[in-house]
């Protein structure tokens, strides 16, 4: 198997803080690796090392077979990078932004203008190509930013929380663009805090916490690691919610979470569900919703790390201040 990204034993230290603590990664060519973790877990640090922007203190990494330290120039020729915030020049038009990058990459004026037109069309920005980027919506800026990272025909694309701050529609549109890139054979490393995003796009996932990889696998494999399915019960009448909670607690041995008029609890043995139904029926409690599903990635993340993906802005700023 050919690996587009390989990393072994990556370590990065900032004073007493170990931002990366022996990270190993293998990303097969043409696949998308989702990197999950709370703010400050080391996601951005590993992206900066793999894109040659930061040197590791220990360990080794290659992109497309090139060492990111000793062969950084060759590695950069294969890489596209879109960071957490759009990096386009707002005073320039869409065409001018992409044309400028093409010229910086050594393209002729004709080739740079041709490539700008191709990308604007691909990202549905042709009609806005002659407008200043400052007039673009947030979703349009992110698409232009992603287009900018593709000017040089990269074979490996790093997306560091690319949909942060986007509305649901713009996020879905960007997912479509990423899927198209994968169809073209581009290898993608995506860091995200949106668990749904990783579930939708990733072939494989690694979970970072405190500078280490604490879990890895396909989305379905990670969901299976909790060893539980999730039961959700909503009574027809909200005043019966407490009775539902008592029944679920009696059968499962632990109290359920009560949110949005539903009782939610992990279930290790699906055979107990009929017992819950019978007890509720005996009490005359009518149920409007009863579902048994696999754990979500959000629930897996919570089980693995003890907290949800969205952490405090203070933690995020701490990691960024180190890098």
Protein backbone atom coordinates (compact mmCIF):
# COMPACT_ATOMS: atom_id res chain seq x y z
CA UNK A 1 0.00 0.00 0.00
CA UNK A 2 1.25 3.50 -0.87
CA UNK A 3 1.11 6.05 1.94
CA UNK A 4 0.80 9.75 1.13
CA UNK A 5 1.51 10.77 4.74
CA UNK A 6 3.71 8.94 7.23
CA UNK A 7 4.75 10.11 10.67
CA UNK A 8 6.64 8.27 13.38
CA UNK A 9 7.25 9.39 16.95
CA UNK A 10 6.50 13.09 16.42
CA UNK A 11 7.27 15.16 19.52
CA UNK A 12 6.91 18.91 19.98
CA UNK A 13 7.69 20.58 23.28
CA UNK A 14 6.95 24.17 24.37
CA UNK A 15 8.59 24.71 27.72
CA UNK A 16 6.94 22.24 30.08
CA UNK A 17 4.04 21.65 27.68
CA UNK A 18 4.30 18.62 25.42
CA UNK A 19 2.08 19.59 22.48
CA UNK A 20 2.83 16.30 20.68
CA UNK A 21 3.92 13.22 22.57
CA UNK A 22 5.02 10.48 20.18
CA UNK A 23 2.46 10.71 17.37
CA UNK A 24 2.38 8.06 14.61
CA UNK A 25 0.27 8.50 11.47
CA UNK A 26 -0.25 6.53 8.27
CA UNK A 27 -2.56 7.93 5.57
CA UNK A 28 -2.98 5.79 2.43
CA UNK A 29 -2.98 7.61 -0.88
CA UNK A 30 -6.40 8.85 -1.98
CA UNK A 31 -8.06 8.52 1.44
CA UNK A 32 -9.34 11.11 3.92
CA UNK A 33 -8.10 10.98 7.50
CA UNK A 34 -10.22 12.82 10.04
CA UNK A 35 -8.29 14.16 13.03
CA UNK A 36 -10.50 14.80 16.05
CA UNK A 37 -9.65 16.31 19.40
CA UNK A 38 -10.48 19.15 21.75
CA UNK A 39 -8.75 22.50 21.41
CA UNK A 40 -5.18 22.23 22.63
CA UNK A 41 -4.97 18.50 21.84
CA UNK A 42 -2.23 18.92 19.21
CA UNK A 43 -4.22 18.83 15.95
CA UNK A 44 -2.94 22.12 14.54
CA UNK A 45 0.60 21.39 15.71
CA UNK A 46 0.74 18.14 13.75
CA UNK A 47 -0.65 19.89 10.65
CA UNK A 48 2.03 22.57 10.90
CA UNK A 49 4.75 19.94 11.13
CA UNK A 50 3.41 17.94 8.20
CA UNK A 51 3.13 21.08 6.05
CA UNK A 52 6.78 22.05 6.83
CA UNK A 53 5.78 25.14 8.84
CA UNK A 54 7.15 23.75 12.11
CA UNK A 55 10.06 21.44 12.92
CA UNK A 56 9.47 18.51 15.27
CA UNK A 57 11.74 18.13 18.27
CA UNK A 58 11.78 14.37 17.77
CA UNK A 59 10.47 11.91 15.21
CA UNK A 60 10.22 11.90 11.44
CA UNK A 61 7.49 12.56 8.88
CA UNK A 62 7.16 12.30 5.12
CA UNK A 63 4.59 13.64 2.66
CA UNK A 64 4.56 11.97 -0.75
CA UNK A 65 7.78 10.23 0.23
CA UNK A 66 9.65 13.47 1.00
CA UNK A 67 10.97 14.22 4.47
CA UNK A 68 9.23 17.35 5.78
CA UNK A 69 12.48 18.62 7.36
CA UNK A 70 15.32 17.61 5.04
CA UNK A 71 13.27 17.71 1.82
CA UNK A 72 10.82 20.46 2.73
CA UNK A 73 10.92 22.14 -0.70
CA UNK A 74 9.95 18.93 -2.52
CA UNK A 75 7.24 18.17 0.04
CA UNK A 76 5.75 21.67 -0.34
CA UNK A 77 5.36 21.11 -4.08
CA UNK A 78 2.82 18.38 -3.31
CA UNK A 79 0.92 20.14 -0.52
CA UNK A 80 -2.16 22.34 -0.36
CA UNK A 81 -3.19 23.91 2.96
CA UNK A 82 -6.38 25.59 4.10
CA UNK A 83 -6.22 26.91 7.66
CA UNK A 84 -8.88 27.72 10.20
CA UNK A 85 -9.41 31.21 8.83
CA UNK A 86 -9.69 32.33 5.22
CA UNK A 87 -6.32 33.68 4.07
CA UNK A 88 -7.44 35.46 0.90
CA UNK A 89 -6.67 39.13 0.28
CA UNK A 90 -10.01 40.86 0.73
CA UNK A 91 -9.01 43.86 -1.37
CA UNK A 92 -8.33 41.71 -4.44
CA UNK A 93 -10.98 40.10 -6.61
CA UNK A 94 -11.43 36.34 -6.72
CA UNK A 95 -9.58 36.18 -10.03
CA UNK A 96 -6.73 38.35 -8.73
CA UNK A 97 -6.29 36.21 -5.61
CA UNK A 98 -5.92 33.01 -7.59
CA UNK A 99 -3.88 34.62 -10.37
CA UNK A 100 -1.41 36.02 -7.80
CA UNK A 101 -0.90 32.58 -6.24
CA UNK A 102 -0.37 31.02 -9.65
CA UNK A 103 2.31 33.58 -10.48
CA UNK A 104 4.00 33.02 -7.07
CA UNK A 105 4.10 29.31 -7.92
CA UNK A 106 5.96 30.09 -11.13
CA UNK A 107 3.13 29.80 -13.64
CA UNK A 108 3.09 31.93 -16.76
CA UNK A 109 0.54 34.74 -16.84
CA UNK A 110 -1.62 32.77 -19.28
CA UNK A 111 -1.46 29.56 -17.23
CA UNK A 112 -2.19 31.40 -13.98
CA UNK A 113 -5.22 33.13 -15.48
CA UNK A 114 -6.46 29.85 -16.99
CA UNK A 115 -6.08 28.03 -13.67
CA UNK A 116 -7.91 30.83 -11.83
CA UNK A 117 -10.84 30.52 -14.24
CA UNK A 118 -10.96 26.73 -13.85
CA UNK A 119 -11.08 26.92 -10.08
CA UNK A 120 -13.62 29.72 -9.94
CA UNK A 121 -15.91 27.64 -12.14
CA UNK A 122 -15.33 24.49 -10.10
CA UNK A 123 -16.20 26.27 -6.86
CA UNK A 124 -19.25 28.06 -8.33
CA UNK A 125 -17.57 31.46 -8.00
CA UNK A 126 -17.34 32.48 -11.66
CA UNK A 127 -20.09 35.11 -11.35
CA UNK A 128 -18.25 36.68 -8.39
CA UNK A 129 -14.77 36.38 -9.88
CA UNK A 130 -14.42 40.08 -10.69
CA UNK A 131 -15.71 41.24 -7.29
CA UNK A 132 -13.48 42.08 -4.34
CA UNK A 133 -13.26 39.19 -1.87
CA UNK A 134 -14.44 41.51 0.92
CA UNK A 135 -17.91 41.43 -0.68
CA UNK A 136 -18.09 37.62 -0.45
CA UNK A 137 -20.17 35.76 2.10
CA UNK A 138 -18.40 33.58 4.66
CA UNK A 139 -19.09 30.44 2.64
CA UNK A 140 -17.82 32.05 -0.56
CA UNK A 141 -14.60 33.15 1.14
CA UNK A 142 -13.97 29.64 2.42
CA UNK A 143 -14.54 28.23 -1.08
CA UNK A 144 -12.14 30.81 -2.51
CA UNK A 145 -9.61 29.93 0.19
CA UNK A 146 -9.90 26.25 -0.67
CA UNK A 147 -9.57 27.09 -4.37
CA UNK A 148 -6.39 29.01 -3.56
CA UNK A 149 -4.90 25.92 -1.93
CA UNK A 150 -5.51 23.96 -5.15
CA UNK A 151 -3.89 26.33 -7.63
CA UNK A 152 -0.70 24.26 -7.69
CA UNK A 153 -2.50 20.92 -8.29
CA UNK A 154 -1.56 19.44 -4.87
CA UNK A 155 -1.80 15.69 -4.36
CA UNK A 156 -2.05 16.03 -0.56
CA UNK A 157 -4.45 18.54 0.97
CA UNK A 158 -4.47 19.63 4.62
CA UNK A 159 -7.72 21.13 5.87
CA UNK A 160 -7.40 22.56 9.38
CA UNK A 161 -10.97 23.07 10.67
CA UNK A 162 -12.06 24.46 7.28
CA UNK A 163 -15.76 24.87 8.13
CA UNK A 164 -15.36 26.71 11.44
CA UNK A 165 -17.93 29.49 11.64
CA UNK A 166 -19.85 28.47 8.52
CA UNK A 167 -23.62 28.12 8.48
CA UNK A 168 -24.99 24.59 7.86
CA UNK A 169 -25.67 25.22 4.17
CA UNK A 170 -22.16 26.54 3.47
CA UNK A 171 -20.68 23.65 5.44
CA UNK A 172 -22.62 21.12 3.38
CA UNK A 173 -21.48 22.80 0.14
CA UNK A 174 -17.86 22.59 1.25
CA UNK A 175 -18.30 18.90 2.09
CA UNK A 176 -19.40 18.37 -1.50
CA UNK A 177 -16.24 20.04 -2.77
CA UNK A 178 -14.06 17.83 -0.54
CA UNK A 179 -15.82 14.70 -1.81
CA UNK A 180 -15.12 15.78 -5.39
CA UNK A 181 -11.43 16.21 -4.57
CA UNK A 182 -11.29 12.71 -3.14
CA UNK A 183 -12.86 11.39 -6.35
CA UNK A 184 -9.92 13.00 -8.16
CA UNK A 185 -7.51 10.97 -6.00
CA UNK A 186 -6.38 13.77 -3.68
CA UNK A 187 -5.31 12.61 -0.21
CA UNK A 188 -6.88 14.73 2.54
CA UNK A 189 -6.05 15.23 6.20
CA UNK A 190 -8.95 17.02 7.87
CA UNK A 191 -8.93 18.35 11.42
CA UNK A 192 -12.35 19.15 12.80
CA UNK A 193 -14.40 19.53 15.95
CA UNK A 194 -17.62 18.79 14.10
CA UNK A 195 -18.23 15.10 14.73
CA UNK A 196 -20.84 14.98 11.98
CA UNK A 197 -18.24 16.30 9.55
CA UNK A 198 -15.84 13.47 10.31
CA UNK A 199 -18.67 10.95 10.10
CA UNK A 200 -19.71 12.28 6.69
CA UNK A 201 -16.26 12.56 5.09
CA UNK A 202 -13.59 10.45 6.78
CA UNK A 203 -12.44 7.03 5.65
CA UNK A 204 -10.42 6.74 8.86
CA UNK A 205 -10.31 8.75 12.08
CA UNK A 206 -7.72 9.38 14.79
CA UNK A 207 -8.62 10.97 18.11
CA UNK A 208 -6.08 13.28 19.75
CA UNK A 209 -5.98 14.20 23.42
CA UNK A 210 -3.13 15.83 25.33
CA UNK A 211 -0.74 15.44 22.40
CA UNK A 212 -1.34 11.72 21.91
CA UNK A 213 -3.50 9.55 19.67
CA UNK A 214 -5.88 7.76 22.02
CA UNK A 215 -7.99 5.94 19.42
CA UNK A 216 -8.07 5.23 15.70
CA UNK A 217 -10.18 3.35 13.18
CA UNK A 218 -13.05 3.81 10.76
CA UNK A 219 -16.09 5.74 12.03
CA UNK A 220 -18.01 2.49 12.54
CA UNK A 221 -15.09 0.86 14.35
CA UNK A 222 -14.84 3.79 16.75
CA UNK A 223 -18.56 3.72 17.39
CA UNK A 224 -18.24 0.05 18.31
CA UNK A 225 -15.51 0.78 20.87
CA UNK A 226 -18.01 2.01 23.45
CA UNK A 227 -19.57 -1.45 23.45
CA UNK A 228 -23.01 0.07 23.71
CA UNK A 229 -25.95 1.20 21.69
CA UNK A 230 -28.04 4.17 22.71
CA UNK A 231 -31.68 3.97 23.76
CA UNK A 232 -33.90 7.03 23.45
CA UNK A 233 -37.43 7.08 24.84
CA UNK A 234 -39.87 9.98 24.54
CA UNK A 235 -43.27 9.73 26.27
CA UNK A 236 -46.33 11.07 24.49
CA UNK A 237 -47.07 13.23 27.53
CA UNK A 238 -44.15 15.20 28.93
CA UNK A 239 -45.40 14.74 32.50
CA UNK A 240 -44.59 11.02 32.15
CA UNK A 241 -40.89 11.67 31.53
CA UNK A 242 -39.96 11.06 35.17
CA UNK A 243 -41.74 7.69 35.10
CA UNK A 244 -39.86 6.78 31.93
CA UNK A 245 -36.58 7.75 33.62
CA UNK A 246 -37.39 5.58 36.66
CA UNK A 247 -38.20 2.55 34.51
CA UNK A 248 -35.07 2.94 32.39
CA UNK A 249 -32.94 3.34 35.53
CA UNK A 250 -34.47 0.22 37.13
CA UNK A 251 -33.87 -1.95 34.07
CA UNK A 252 -30.43 -0.64 33.08
CA UNK A 253 -29.08 0.00 36.55
CA UNK A 254 -28.19 3.64 35.93
CA UNK A 255 -30.23 6.82 35.46
CA UNK A 256 -30.68 8.10 31.91
CA UNK A 257 -29.91 11.62 30.71
CA UNK A 258 -33.02 13.76 30.31
CA UNK A 259 -32.89 16.18 27.40
CA UNK A 260 -35.44 17.58 24.96
CA UNK A 261 -38.27 15.56 26.51
CA UNK A 262 -36.41 12.25 26.04
CA UNK A 263 -34.65 9.78 28.29
CA UNK A 264 -31.32 8.68 26.78
CA UNK A 265 -29.07 5.91 28.06
CA UNK A 266 -26.38 3.49 26.82
CA UNK A 267 -27.55 -0.09 26.35
CA UNK A 268 -25.05 -2.98 26.44
CA UNK A 269 -27.66 -5.70 25.95
CA UNK A 270 -30.48 -4.89 23.48
CA UNK A 271 -32.52 -7.74 24.97
CA UNK A 272 -33.50 -5.46 27.87
CA UNK A 273 -35.51 -3.14 25.62
CA UNK A 274 -38.68 -5.32 25.59
CA UNK A 275 -38.60 -5.29 29.41
CA UNK A 276 -38.66 -1.49 29.38
CA UNK A 277 -41.55 -1.48 26.93
CA UNK A 278 -43.55 -3.93 29.07
CA UNK A 279 -43.03 -1.94 32.27
CA UNK A 280 -44.08 1.30 30.60
CA UNK A 281 -47.15 -0.44 29.20
CA UNK A 282 -48.05 -1.74 32.68
CA UNK A 283 -47.84 1.84 33.99
CA UNK A 284 -50.04 3.12 31.17
CA UNK A 285 -47.27 5.32 29.76
CA UNK A 286 -47.69 5.84 26.02
CA UNK A 287 -44.43 6.31 24.12
CA UNK A 288 -44.23 8.53 21.04
CA UNK A 289 -40.60 7.62 20.27
CA UNK A 290 -38.43 4.64 21.11
CA UNK A 291 -35.17 4.18 19.21
CA UNK A 292 -32.10 2.00 19.62
CA UNK A 293 -29.12 3.18 17.60
CA UNK A 294 -25.35 2.97 17.43
CA UNK A 295 -23.38 5.44 19.49
CA UNK A 296 -22.65 8.68 17.68
CA UNK A 297 -19.09 9.92 17.20
CA UNK A 298 -19.89 12.65 19.72
CA UNK A 299 -20.74 10.01 22.32
CA UNK A 300 -17.61 8.04 21.42
CA UNK A 301 -15.52 11.18 21.78
CA UNK A 302 -17.06 11.88 25.18
CA UNK A 303 -16.39 8.31 26.32
CA UNK A 304 -12.76 8.46 25.15
CA UNK A 305 -11.78 11.90 26.41
CA UNK A 306 -14.24 12.68 29.19
CA UNK A 307 -15.35 15.85 27.41
CA UNK A 308 -17.01 16.88 24.19
CA UNK A 309 -15.21 18.09 21.08
CA UNK A 310 -16.13 21.73 21.66
CA UNK A 311 -13.88 23.04 24.43
CA UNK A 312 -13.10 26.54 25.65
CA UNK A 313 -11.67 29.28 23.46
CA UNK A 314 -8.96 29.69 26.09
CA UNK A 315 -7.62 26.20 25.34
CA UNK A 316 -7.61 26.93 21.61
CA UNK A 317 -5.72 30.19 22.04
CA UNK A 318 -3.21 28.43 24.25
CA UNK A 319 -2.21 25.98 21.51
CA UNK A 320 -2.14 28.70 18.85
CA UNK A 321 0.10 30.90 21.02
CA UNK A 322 2.64 28.06 21.21
CA UNK A 323 2.83 27.49 17.45
